[in-house]
Amino acid sequence: MKEGIHPNNYRPVVFKDMSNDDVFISRSTVNAKETIELDGVTYPLVKVEISNTSHPFYTGKSKLVDTAGRVDKFLSRYGNRNKK
C-alpha cells in the first residue's frame, strides 16, 4: 500500500440505528457532532437510518423503510400497472 494516503485518525465510534435504537461500536474516521456515553466512556455518535439489525435483507421481514416518501410517490404516480 502507498504510504501517507490513508487516514491516521481511526477511533472507536458509536453508530445508532434510528429505526430500532440499536447501537454498536466500530472504528471509523467519520466526523461526528454528537457524543454518547456507553459503559462510562464517551464516544462520538453517528446516527444512521438503517443497519443490519433493521434491514429487510438481514431480518427476513419485508418492511419498507422510506423516510423521504419515495415509495409512496412512486406508487401514487404509477400505481399497479398490472391491475386492470
N, C-alpha and C. Protein backbone atom coordinates (compact mmCIF):
# COMPACT_ATOMS: atom_id res chain seq x y z
N MET A 1 0.84 -1.18 0.00
CA MET A 1 0.00 0.00 0.00
C MET A 1 0.88 1.24 0.00
N LYS A 2 0.38 2.30 -0.56
CA LYS A 2 1.12 3.55 -0.59
C LYS A 2 1.17 4.16 0.80
N GLU A 3 2.28 4.78 1.09
CA GLU A 3 2.46 5.46 2.38
C GLU A 3 1.84 6.85 2.31
N GLY A 4 1.24 7.28 3.40
CA GLY A 4 0.76 8.65 3.52
C GLY A 4 -0.59 8.95 2.90
N ILE A 5 -1.31 7.96 2.36
CA ILE A 5 -2.61 8.26 1.76
C ILE A 5 -3.78 7.82 2.62
N HIS A 6 -3.52 7.04 3.65
CA HIS A 6 -4.58 6.53 4.50
C HIS A 6 -4.71 7.40 5.75
N PRO A 7 -5.93 7.63 6.23
CA PRO A 7 -6.11 8.48 7.41
C PRO A 7 -5.51 7.85 8.66
N ASN A 8 -5.08 8.72 9.57
CA ASN A 8 -4.46 8.25 10.80
C ASN A 8 -5.39 8.36 12.00
N ASN A 9 -6.58 8.92 11.82
CA ASN A 9 -7.44 9.22 12.96
C ASN A 9 -8.55 8.18 13.18
N TYR A 10 -8.24 6.91 13.02
CA TYR A 10 -9.21 5.86 13.33
C TYR A 10 -9.43 5.84 14.84
N ARG A 11 -10.69 5.79 15.25
CA ARG A 11 -11.03 5.76 16.66
C ARG A 11 -12.35 5.03 16.84
N PRO A 12 -12.66 4.58 18.05
CA PRO A 12 -13.96 3.95 18.28
C PRO A 12 -15.09 4.98 18.14
N VAL A 13 -16.13 4.62 17.39
CA VAL A 13 -17.29 5.48 17.16
C VAL A 13 -18.53 4.65 17.39
N VAL A 14 -19.55 5.24 18.01
CA VAL A 14 -20.83 4.56 18.22
C VAL A 14 -21.76 4.91 17.06
N PHE A 15 -22.33 3.90 16.44
CA PHE A 15 -23.34 4.07 15.39
C PHE A 15 -24.68 3.67 15.98
N LYS A 16 -25.70 4.53 15.82
CA LYS A 16 -27.02 4.26 16.38
C LYS A 16 -28.03 4.16 15.25
N ASP A 17 -28.70 3.02 15.17
CA ASP A 17 -29.77 2.80 14.19
C ASP A 17 -31.02 3.50 14.71
N MET A 18 -31.50 4.50 13.99
CA MET A 18 -32.62 5.30 14.46
C MET A 18 -33.97 4.60 14.32
N SER A 19 -34.05 3.54 13.53
CA SER A 19 -35.32 2.86 13.36
C SER A 19 -35.63 1.88 14.50
N ASN A 20 -34.58 1.36 15.16
CA ASN A 20 -34.83 0.44 16.27
C ASN A 20 -33.96 0.71 17.49
N ASP A 21 -33.25 1.83 17.50
CA ASP A 21 -32.40 2.27 18.62
C ASP A 21 -31.29 1.30 18.99
N ASP A 22 -30.86 0.47 18.05
CA ASP A 22 -29.75 -0.43 18.28
C ASP A 22 -28.45 0.38 18.15
N VAL A 23 -27.48 0.12 19.03
CA VAL A 23 -26.19 0.81 18.97
C VAL A 23 -25.08 -0.22 18.85
N PHE A 24 -24.02 0.15 18.13
CA PHE A 24 -22.83 -0.70 18.04
C PHE A 24 -21.61 0.19 17.88
N ILE A 25 -20.49 -0.32 18.35
CA ILE A 25 -19.23 0.42 18.31
C ILE A 25 -18.36 -0.17 17.21
N SER A 26 -17.79 0.73 16.42
CA SER A 26 -16.87 0.33 15.37
C SER A 26 -15.78 1.39 15.26
N ARG A 27 -14.69 1.05 14.62
CA ARG A 27 -13.65 2.04 14.41
C ARG A 27 -13.94 2.78 13.10
N SER A 28 -13.78 4.11 13.14
CA SER A 28 -14.10 4.91 11.97
C SER A 28 -13.34 6.23 12.02
N THR A 29 -13.31 6.92 10.88
CA THR A 29 -12.72 8.25 10.80
C THR A 29 -13.78 9.32 10.58
N VAL A 30 -15.04 8.94 10.62
CA VAL A 30 -16.13 9.87 10.34
C VAL A 30 -16.18 10.96 11.42
N ASN A 31 -16.48 12.20 10.96
CA ASN A 31 -16.63 13.31 11.89
C ASN A 31 -18.02 13.27 12.49
N ALA A 32 -18.12 13.39 13.81
CA ALA A 32 -19.40 13.35 14.50
C ALA A 32 -19.57 14.60 15.34
N LYS A 33 -20.79 15.15 15.31
CA LYS A 33 -21.07 16.36 16.08
C LYS A 33 -21.59 16.03 17.48
N GLU A 34 -22.16 14.85 17.65
CA GLU A 34 -22.74 14.46 18.93
C GLU A 34 -21.87 13.40 19.60
N THR A 35 -22.07 13.26 20.92
CA THR A 35 -21.37 12.23 21.67
C THR A 35 -22.38 11.43 22.49
N ILE A 36 -21.98 10.25 22.91
CA ILE A 36 -22.82 9.40 23.74
C ILE A 36 -21.92 8.69 24.74
N GLU A 37 -22.46 8.41 25.92
CA GLU A 37 -21.69 7.70 26.93
C GLU A 37 -22.20 6.26 27.05
N LEU A 38 -21.30 5.32 26.84
CA LEU A 38 -21.59 3.89 26.99
C LEU A 38 -20.57 3.28 27.93
N ASP A 39 -21.04 2.60 28.94
CA ASP A 39 -20.18 1.91 29.90
C ASP A 39 -19.15 2.86 30.53
N GLY A 40 -19.53 4.11 30.75
CA GLY A 40 -18.65 5.07 31.38
C GLY A 40 -17.63 5.72 30.46
N VAL A 41 -17.70 5.44 29.18
CA VAL A 41 -16.77 6.01 28.20
C VAL A 41 -17.56 6.86 27.22
N THR A 42 -17.05 8.05 26.89
CA THR A 42 -17.72 8.93 25.94
C THR A 42 -17.17 8.68 24.54
N TYR A 43 -18.09 8.42 23.60
CA TYR A 43 -17.73 8.15 22.21
C TYR A 43 -18.41 9.16 21.30
N PRO A 44 -17.86 9.43 20.11
CA PRO A 44 -18.60 10.18 19.10
C PRO A 44 -19.80 9.36 18.64
N LEU A 45 -20.92 10.02 18.33
CA LEU A 45 -22.15 9.35 17.93
C LEU A 45 -22.50 9.69 16.49
N VAL A 46 -22.75 8.65 15.69
CA VAL A 46 -23.21 8.81 14.32
C VAL A 46 -24.56 8.12 14.21
N LYS A 47 -25.58 8.86 13.79
CA LYS A 47 -26.92 8.29 13.65
C LYS A 47 -27.12 7.82 12.22
N VAL A 48 -27.58 6.58 12.07
CA VAL A 48 -27.85 6.01 10.76
C VAL A 48 -29.32 5.62 10.68
N GLU A 49 -29.90 5.66 9.49
CA GLU A 49 -31.31 5.34 9.31
C GLU A 49 -31.57 3.84 9.28
N ILE A 50 -30.59 3.08 8.81
CA ILE A 50 -30.79 1.64 8.66
C ILE A 50 -29.46 0.93 8.88
N SER A 51 -29.52 -0.23 9.50
CA SER A 51 -28.32 -1.04 9.72
C SER A 51 -28.69 -2.51 9.52
N ASN A 52 -27.77 -3.40 9.83
CA ASN A 52 -28.05 -4.81 9.63
C ASN A 52 -29.14 -5.31 10.58
N THR A 53 -29.42 -4.61 11.68
CA THR A 53 -30.46 -5.05 12.60
C THR A 53 -31.85 -4.61 12.17
N SER A 54 -31.95 -3.72 11.18
CA SER A 54 -33.26 -3.28 10.73
C SER A 54 -33.47 -3.44 9.22
N HIS A 55 -32.46 -3.85 8.49
CA HIS A 55 -32.57 -4.00 7.03
C HIS A 55 -33.37 -5.28 6.72
N PRO A 56 -34.34 -5.18 5.81
CA PRO A 56 -35.17 -6.34 5.48
C PRO A 56 -34.38 -7.56 4.99
N PHE A 57 -33.27 -7.36 4.33
CA PHE A 57 -32.48 -8.49 3.85
C PHE A 57 -31.96 -9.33 5.01
N TYR A 58 -31.50 -8.68 6.07
CA TYR A 58 -30.92 -9.38 7.21
C TYR A 58 -31.98 -9.86 8.20
N THR A 59 -33.09 -9.15 8.31
CA THR A 59 -34.11 -9.52 9.29
C THR A 59 -35.11 -10.53 8.74
N GLY A 60 -35.25 -10.61 7.42
CA GLY A 60 -36.21 -11.52 6.82
C GLY A 60 -37.61 -10.95 6.76
N LYS A 61 -37.79 -9.74 7.20
CA LYS A 61 -39.09 -9.09 7.15
C LYS A 61 -39.12 -8.15 5.96
N SER A 62 -40.25 -8.12 5.26
CA SER A 62 -40.35 -7.26 4.08
C SER A 62 -40.99 -5.93 4.44
N LYS A 63 -40.31 -5.19 5.30
CA LYS A 63 -40.80 -3.88 5.73
C LYS A 63 -40.03 -2.82 4.97
N LEU A 64 -40.72 -1.89 4.33
CA LEU A 64 -40.07 -0.82 3.60
C LEU A 64 -39.82 0.34 4.55
N VAL A 65 -38.56 0.76 4.64
CA VAL A 65 -38.21 1.92 5.44
C VAL A 65 -37.92 3.04 4.47
N ASP A 66 -38.80 4.01 4.44
CA ASP A 66 -38.66 5.10 3.47
C ASP A 66 -39.00 6.41 4.16
N THR A 67 -37.98 7.14 4.57
CA THR A 67 -38.23 8.39 5.28
C THR A 67 -38.52 9.54 4.33
N ALA A 68 -38.12 9.43 3.08
CA ALA A 68 -38.31 10.53 2.14
C ALA A 68 -39.63 10.43 1.37
N GLY A 69 -40.36 9.32 1.50
CA GLY A 69 -41.63 9.16 0.81
C GLY A 69 -41.49 8.79 -0.66
N ARG A 70 -40.33 8.28 -1.06
CA ARG A 70 -40.12 7.98 -2.47
C ARG A 70 -40.99 6.83 -2.94
N VAL A 71 -41.20 5.83 -2.09
CA VAL A 71 -42.02 4.68 -2.48
C VAL A 71 -43.47 5.13 -2.66
N ASP A 72 -43.98 5.91 -1.71
CA ASP A 72 -45.35 6.41 -1.82
C ASP A 72 -45.52 7.29 -3.05
N LYS A 73 -44.53 8.10 -3.33
CA LYS A 73 -44.59 8.97 -4.50
C LYS A 73 -44.63 8.14 -5.79
N PHE A 74 -43.81 7.09 -5.83
CA PHE A 74 -43.79 6.22 -6.99
C PHE A 74 -45.13 5.51 -7.17
N LEU A 75 -45.67 4.96 -6.08
CA LEU A 75 -46.94 4.24 -6.16
C LEU A 75 -48.10 5.16 -6.54
N SER A 76 -48.09 6.38 -6.05
CA SER A 76 -49.16 7.30 -6.42
C SER A 76 -49.04 7.73 -7.88
N ARG A 77 -47.82 7.81 -8.37
CA ARG A 77 -47.61 8.24 -9.76
C ARG A 77 -47.92 7.11 -10.74
N TYR A 78 -47.43 5.90 -10.44
CA TYR A 78 -47.55 4.80 -11.40
C TYR A 78 -48.54 3.72 -10.97
N GLY A 79 -48.76 3.59 -9.68
CA GLY A 79 -49.72 2.60 -9.18
C GLY A 79 -49.36 1.19 -9.58
N ASN A 80 -50.34 0.34 -9.61
CA ASN A 80 -50.11 -1.05 -10.00
C ASN A 80 -50.50 -1.18 -11.47
N ARG A 81 -49.54 -1.26 -12.35
CA ARG A 81 -49.78 -1.29 -13.80
C ARG A 81 -50.44 -2.59 -14.26
N ASN A 82 -50.27 -3.69 -13.50
CA ASN A 82 -50.83 -4.97 -13.90
C ASN A 82 -52.32 -5.07 -13.59
N LYS A 83 -52.80 -4.24 -12.72
CA LYS A 83 -54.20 -4.26 -12.29
C LYS A 83 -55.04 -3.57 -13.34
N LYS A 84 -56.13 -4.23 -13.80
CA LYS A 84 -57.00 -3.63 -14.83
C LYS A 84 -58.40 -3.58 -14.37
